[in-house]
Amino acid sequence: MNSRLVALGFLVLLTVSACGQGAAGQAPVPSMTTLRGGASAAATVPPAVLDPCALLGPQDRSTAGIAVLGVAKEINGARACDWTVPATFGVTITVDERNGLKDLEVARKTATRIKVGDREALKVADANAADGTCAILLGMGEKASVQIDVSNTNFTDTPLACERAVKVAGLAEPKLP
């Protein structure tokens, strides 16, 4: 019973915090914690409660070369978090509770099926456009998905954008339900 209260308390903190930030005058809320038995709190979080800013903790951001905090936002009614590394690149993670991988409209010529961890995913990039953008779409059940978009600031080097997107997807994927 006590572990349920801890998990419930964590979920409440997770939903009221924005990108790991506490309210004014409060200490920052950790983006992810480990519960008793080593289980990640995100493993029990349904998509409707999943905070996209919590998908990249401080160590994850460091690994991905992101030295800034995420900014919560909304994209087409879906929760998102945006990290912008000045003069380098930006990452946006969007949690879509309405569309699974099969529901997403993706141009077939730009999408490649991949796996991130044990999860089915799509890598979406137009090599011919060479616009420095790449997206990894992760399935999260039949009716939900997470989209990781990377854009290089100079809008060149699509392979580098995809390398960054795959890295961020690999860091976020274990935290998904």
C-alpha atoms as a PDB file:
ATOM      1  CA  MET A   1       0.000   0.000   0.000  1.00  0.00           C
ATOM      2  CA  ASN A   2       2.836   2.395   0.869  1.00  0.00           C
ATOM      3  CA  SER A   3       4.477   1.966  -2.565  1.00  0.00           C
ATOM      4  CA  ARG A   4       1.138   2.823  -4.189  1.00  0.00           C
ATOM      5  CA  LEU A   5       1.018   6.065  -2.214  1.00  0.00           C
ATOM      6  CA  VAL A   6       4.571   6.888  -3.299  1.00  0.00           C
ATOM      7  CA  ALA A   7       3.673   6.198  -6.952  1.00  0.00           C
ATOM      8  CA  LEU A   8       0.465   8.238  -6.666  1.00  0.00           C
ATOM      9  CA  GLY A   9       2.359  11.097  -5.041  1.00  0.00           C
ATOM     10  CA  PHE A  10       4.929  11.002  -7.815  1.00  0.00           C
ATOM     11  CA  LEU A  11       2.221  11.079 -10.479  1.00  0.00           C
ATOM     12  CA  VAL A  12       0.614  14.111  -8.864  1.00  0.00           C
ATOM     13  CA  LEU A  13       3.964  15.917  -8.771  1.00  0.00           C
ATOM     14  CA  LEU A  14       4.689  14.881 -12.347  1.00  0.00           C
ATOM     15  CA  THR A  15       1.404  16.251 -13.640  1.00  0.00           C
ATOM     16  CA  VAL A  16       1.650  19.605 -11.871  1.00  0.00           C
ATOM     17  CA  SER A  17       5.283  20.204 -12.702  1.00  0.00           C
ATOM     18  CA  ALA A  18       6.356  21.654 -16.021  1.00  0.00           C
ATOM     19  CA  CYS A  19       9.571  20.165 -17.349  1.00  0.00           C
ATOM     20  CA  GLY A  20      10.817  19.374 -13.856  1.00  0.00           C
ATOM     21  CA  GLN A  21      10.187  22.905 -12.597  1.00  0.00           C
ATOM     22  CA  GLY A  22       8.417  23.439  -9.312  1.00  0.00           C
ATOM     23  CA  ALA A  23       6.049  26.321  -8.739  1.00  0.00           C
ATOM     24  CA  ALA A  24       7.558  29.657  -7.804  1.00  0.00           C
ATOM     25  CA  GLY A  25       9.349  29.345  -4.489  1.00  0.00           C
ATOM     26  CA  GLN A  26       9.449  25.546  -4.587  1.00  0.00           C
ATOM     27  CA  ALA A  27      12.395  23.307  -5.262  1.00  0.00           C
ATOM     28  CA  PRO A  28      12.506  21.703  -8.725  1.00  0.00           C
ATOM     29  CA  VAL A  29      10.744  18.356  -8.960  1.00  0.00           C
ATOM     30  CA  PRO A  30      12.980  15.525 -10.218  1.00  0.00           C
ATOM     31  CA  SER A  31      12.054  14.515 -13.762  1.00  0.00           C
ATOM     32  CA  MET A  32      12.208  10.757 -13.067  1.00  0.00           C
ATOM     33  CA  THR A  33      12.712   8.716  -9.934  1.00  0.00           C
ATOM     34  CA  THR A  34      13.219   5.084  -9.220  1.00  0.00           C
ATOM     35  CA  LEU A  35      10.670   3.417  -6.999  1.00  0.00           C
ATOM     36  CA  ARG A  36      11.280   0.450  -4.707  1.00  0.00           C
ATOM     37  CA  GLY A  37      12.286  -2.650  -6.636  1.00  0.00           C
ATOM     38  CA  GLY A  38      14.023  -0.544  -9.309  1.00  0.00           C
ATOM     39  CA  ALA A  39      10.863   0.134 -11.344  1.00  0.00           C
ATOM     40  CA  SER A  40      10.786   3.420 -13.201  1.00  0.00           C
ATOM     41  CA  ALA A  41       7.816   5.590 -12.321  1.00  0.00           C
ATOM     42  CA  ALA A  42       7.182   6.215 -16.029  1.00  0.00           C
ATOM     43  CA  ALA A  43       6.510   2.509 -16.500  1.00  0.00           C
ATOM     44  CA  THR A  44       3.220   2.989 -14.643  1.00  0.00           C
ATOM     45  CA  VAL A  45       2.286   6.356 -16.166  1.00  0.00           C
ATOM     46  CA  PRO A  46      -0.506   6.160 -18.769  1.00  0.00           C
ATOM     47  CA  PRO A  47      -0.069   8.318 -21.913  1.00  0.00           C
ATOM     48  CA  ALA A  48      -2.699  10.766 -20.605  1.00  0.00           C
ATOM     49  CA  VAL A  49      -0.393  11.693 -17.692  1.00  0.00           C
ATOM     50  CA  LEU A  50       2.981  11.379 -19.434  1.00  0.00           C
ATOM     51  CA  ASP A  51       4.918  14.660 -19.269  1.00  0.00           C
ATOM     52  CA  PRO A  52       7.060  15.050 -22.417  1.00  0.00           C
ATOM     53  CA  CYS A  53       9.517  17.271 -20.520  1.00  0.00           C
ATOM     54  CA  ALA A  54      10.151  14.440 -18.033  1.00  0.00           C
ATOM     55  CA  LEU A  55      11.317  12.111 -20.823  1.00  0.00           C
ATOM     56  CA  LEU A  56      14.783  13.714 -20.817  1.00  0.00           C
ATOM     57  CA  GLY A  57      16.293  13.969 -17.361  1.00  0.00           C
ATOM     58  CA  PRO A  58      19.521  15.864 -16.644  1.00  0.00           C
ATOM     59  CA  GLN A  59      21.789  12.918 -17.506  1.00  0.00           C
ATOM     60  CA  ASP A  60      19.813  12.225 -20.707  1.00  0.00           C
ATOM     61  CA  ARG A  61      20.110  15.863 -21.769  1.00  0.00           C
ATOM     62  CA  SER A  62      23.847  15.791 -21.129  1.00  0.00           C
ATOM     63  CA  THR A  63      24.218  12.590 -23.179  1.00  0.00           C
ATOM     64  CA  ALA A  64      22.274  14.182 -26.039  1.00  0.00           C
ATOM     65  CA  GLY A  65      24.269  17.421 -25.935  1.00  0.00           C
ATOM     66  CA  ILE A  66      21.357  19.476 -24.590  1.00  0.00           C
ATOM     67  CA  ALA A  67      22.422  21.952 -21.914  1.00  0.00           C
ATOM     68  CA  VAL A  68      19.064  23.721 -21.564  1.00  0.00           C
ATOM     69  CA  LEU A  69      15.782  22.946 -19.812  1.00  0.00           C
ATOM     70  CA  GLY A  70      12.745  22.047 -21.874  1.00  0.00           C
ATOM     71  CA  VAL A  71       9.808  24.383 -22.385  1.00  0.00           C
ATOM     72  CA  ALA A  72       6.330  22.866 -22.216  1.00  0.00           C
ATOM     73  CA  LYS A  73       3.979  23.683 -25.092  1.00  0.00           C
ATOM     74  CA  GLU A  74       1.044  22.306 -27.049  1.00  0.00           C
ATOM     75  CA  ILE A  75       1.101  21.196 -30.687  1.00  0.00           C
ATOM     76  CA  ASN A  76      -2.269  20.493 -32.348  1.00  0.00           C
ATOM     77  CA  GLY A  77      -3.838  19.645 -28.995  1.00  0.00           C
ATOM     78  CA  ALA A  78      -0.978  17.336 -27.920  1.00  0.00           C
ATOM     79  CA  ARG A  79       1.433  17.950 -25.045  1.00  0.00           C
ATOM     80  CA  ALA A  80       4.979  18.716 -26.159  1.00  0.00           C
ATOM     81  CA  CYS A  81       8.311  19.870 -24.797  1.00  0.00           C
ATOM     82  CA  ASP A  82      10.882  21.886 -26.688  1.00  0.00           C
ATOM     83  CA  TRP A  83      14.627  22.140 -26.069  1.00  0.00           C
ATOM     84  CA  THR A  84      16.629  24.648 -28.107  1.00  0.00           C
ATOM     85  CA  VAL A  85      20.418  24.520 -28.043  1.00  0.00           C
ATOM     86  CA  PRO A  86      21.406  27.993 -29.286  1.00  0.00           C
ATOM     87  CA  ALA A  87      23.124  28.058 -32.700  1.00  0.00           C
ATOM     88  CA  THR A  88      23.152  24.234 -32.845  1.00  0.00           C
ATOM     89  CA  PHE A  89      19.848  22.311 -32.912  1.00  0.00           C
ATOM     90  CA  GLY A  90      16.426  21.927 -31.379  1.00  0.00           C
ATOM     91  CA  VAL A  91      14.480  18.911 -30.135  1.00  0.00           C
ATOM     92  CA  THR A  92      10.736  18.655 -29.646  1.00  0.00           C
ATOM     93  CA  ILE A  93       9.072  15.641 -28.015  1.00  0.00           C
ATOM     94  CA  THR A  94       5.317  15.369 -28.534  1.00  0.00           C
ATOM     95  CA  VAL A  95       3.005  12.894 -26.772  1.00  0.00           C
ATOM     96  CA  ASP A  96       0.019  12.083 -29.023  1.00  0.00           C
ATOM     97  CA  GLU A  97      -2.734  10.236 -27.139  1.00  0.00           C
ATOM     98  CA  ARG A  98      -5.022   9.970 -30.173  1.00  0.00           C
ATOM     99  CA  ASN A  99      -2.836   8.436 -32.883  1.00  0.00           C
ATOM    100  CA  GLY A 100      -0.788   5.262 -32.906  1.00  0.00           C
ATOM    101  CA  LEU A 101       1.925   4.667 -35.521  1.00  0.00           C
ATOM    102  CA  LYS A 102      -0.625   3.245 -37.977  1.00  0.00           C
ATOM    103  CA  ASP A 103      -2.779   6.373 -37.675  1.00  0.00           C
ATOM    104  CA  LEU A 104      -0.044   8.907 -38.438  1.00  0.00           C
ATOM    105  CA  GLU A 105       0.076  10.367 -41.907  1.00  0.00           C
ATOM    106  CA  VAL A 106       3.650   9.940 -43.097  1.00  0.00           C
ATOM    107  CA  ALA A 107       4.922  10.110 -46.671  1.00  0.00           C
ATOM    108  CA  ARG A 108       6.044   6.571 -47.429  1.00  0.00           C
ATOM    109  CA  LYS A 109       9.096   7.703 -49.396  1.00  0.00           C
ATOM    110  CA  THR A 110      10.488   9.503 -46.336  1.00  0.00           C
ATOM    111  CA  ALA A 111       9.718   6.864 -43.659  1.00  0.00           C
ATOM    112  CA  THR A 112      11.882   3.902 -42.651  1.00  0.00           C
ATOM    113  CA  ARG A 113      10.747   1.248 -40.156  1.00  0.00           C
ATOM    114  CA  ILE A 114      13.191   0.866 -37.272  1.00  0.00           C
ATOM    115  CA  LYS A 115      13.201  -0.400 -33.692  1.00  0.00           C
ATOM    116  CA  VAL A 116      14.095   1.749 -30.729  1.00  0.00           C
ATOM    117  CA  GLY A 117      14.642  -0.562 -27.804  1.00  0.00           C
ATOM    118  CA  ASP A 118      11.891  -3.167 -28.169  1.00  0.00           C
ATOM    119  CA  ARG A 119       9.460  -0.638 -29.643  1.00  0.00           C
ATOM    120  CA  GLU A 120       8.336  -0.310 -33.259  1.00  0.00           C
ATOM    121  CA  ALA A 121       9.244   3.083 -34.691  1.00  0.00           C
ATOM    122  CA  LEU A 122       9.481   5.094 -37.886  1.00  0.00           C
ATOM    123  CA  LYS A 123      12.412   7.290 -38.864  1.00  0.00           C
ATOM    124  CA  VAL A 124      11.151  10.123 -41.056  1.00  0.00           C
ATOM    125  CA  ALA A 125      13.597  12.232 -43.055  1.00  0.00           C
ATOM    126  CA  ASP A 126      13.748  13.436 -46.627  1.00  0.00           C
ATOM    127  CA  ALA A 127      17.347  12.859 -47.727  1.00  0.00           C
ATOM    128  CA  ASN A 128      16.651  14.643 -51.023  1.00  0.00           C
ATOM    129  CA  ALA A 129      15.527  17.795 -49.231  1.00  0.00           C
ATOM    130  CA  ALA A 130      18.736  17.874 -47.125  1.00  0.00           C
ATOM    131  CA  ASP A 131      16.964  20.261 -44.756  1.00  0.00           C
ATOM    132  CA  GLY A 132      18.609  19.172 -41.492  1.00  0.00           C
ATOM    133  CA  THR A 133      15.407  17.750 -40.003  1.00  0.00           C
ATOM    134  CA  CYS A 134      14.538  14.258 -38.825  1.00  0.00           C
ATOM    135  CA  ALA A 135      11.768  12.674 -36.744  1.00  0.00           C
ATOM    136  CA  ILE A 136      11.499   9.409 -34.850  1.00  0.00           C
ATOM    137  CA  LEU A 137       7.933   8.243 -34.239  1.00  0.00           C
ATOM    138  CA  LEU A 138       7.568   5.728 -31.424  1.00  0.00           C
ATOM    139  CA  GLY A 139       4.492   3.565 -31.053  1.00  0.00           C
ATOM    140  CA  MET A 140       2.898   3.541 -27.615  1.00  0.00           C
ATOM    141  CA  GLY A 141       0.107   1.007 -27.929  1.00  0.00           C
ATOM    142  CA  GLU A 142      -2.541   1.072 -30.639  1.00  0.00           C
ATOM    143  CA  LYS A 143      -3.810   4.620 -30.095  1.00  0.00           C
ATOM    144  CA  ALA A 144      -0.845   6.636 -28.832  1.00  0.00           C
ATOM    145  CA  SER A 145       2.618   7.652 -30.010  1.00  0.00           C
ATOM    146  CA  VAL A 146       5.569   9.842 -29.160  1.00  0.00           C
ATOM    147  CA  GLN A 147       7.239  11.965 -31.797  1.00  0.00           C
ATOM    148  CA  ILE A 148      10.812  13.201 -31.482  1.00  0.00           C
ATOM    149  CA  ASP A 149      11.653  15.979 -33.943  1.00  0.00           C
ATOM    150  CA  VAL A 150      15.167  17.327 -34.428  1.00  0.00           C
ATOM    151  CA  SER A 151      16.042  20.382 -36.516  1.00  0.00           C
ATOM    152  CA  ASN A 152      19.595  21.580 -37.015  1.00  0.00           C
ATOM    153  CA  THR A 153      19.788  25.360 -36.664  1.00  0.00           C
ATOM    154  CA  ASN A 154      21.422  25.826 -40.088  1.00  0.00           C
ATOM    155  CA  PHE A 155      18.882  23.457 -41.749  1.00  0.00           C
ATOM    156  CA  THR A 156      21.644  21.319 -43.258  1.00  0.00           C
ATOM    157  CA  ASP A 157      23.066  17.859 -42.539  1.00  0.00           C
ATOM    158  CA  THR A 158      19.985  15.630 -42.370  1.00  0.00           C
ATOM    159  CA  PRO A 159      22.100  12.575 -41.361  1.00  0.00           C
ATOM    160  CA  LEU A 160      23.311  14.473 -38.262  1.00  0.00           C
ATOM    161  CA  ALA A 161      19.715  15.434 -37.414  1.00  0.00           C
ATOM    162  CA  CYS A 162      18.739  11.744 -37.663  1.00  0.00           C
ATOM    163  CA  GLU A 163      21.689  10.703 -35.505  1.00  0.00           C
ATOM    164  CA  ARG A 164      20.537  13.165 -32.850  1.00  0.00           C
ATOM    165  CA  ALA A 165      16.885  12.076 -33.146  1.00  0.00           C
ATOM    166  CA  VAL A 166      17.779   8.387 -32.781  1.00  0.00           C
ATOM    167  CA  LYS A 167      19.906   9.187 -29.711  1.00  0.00           C
ATOM    168  CA  VAL A 168      17.115  11.173 -28.044  1.00  0.00           C
ATOM    169  CA  ALA A 169      14.561   8.448 -28.903  1.00  0.00           C
ATOM    170  CA  GLY A 170      16.824   5.836 -27.320  1.00  0.00           C
ATOM    171  CA  LEU A 171      17.033   7.923 -24.134  1.00  0.00           C
ATOM    172  CA  ALA A 172      13.270   8.588 -23.956  1.00  0.00           C
ATOM    173  CA  GLU A 173      11.985   5.139 -24.994  1.00  0.00           C
ATOM    174  CA  PRO A 174      12.661   3.309 -21.678  1.00  0.00           C
ATOM    175  CA  LYS A 175      10.489   5.848 -19.868  1.00  0.00           C
ATOM    176  CA  LEU A 176       7.424   5.225 -22.036  1.00  0.00           C
ATOM    177  CA  PRO A 177       4.527   3.061 -20.843  1.00  0.00           C
END
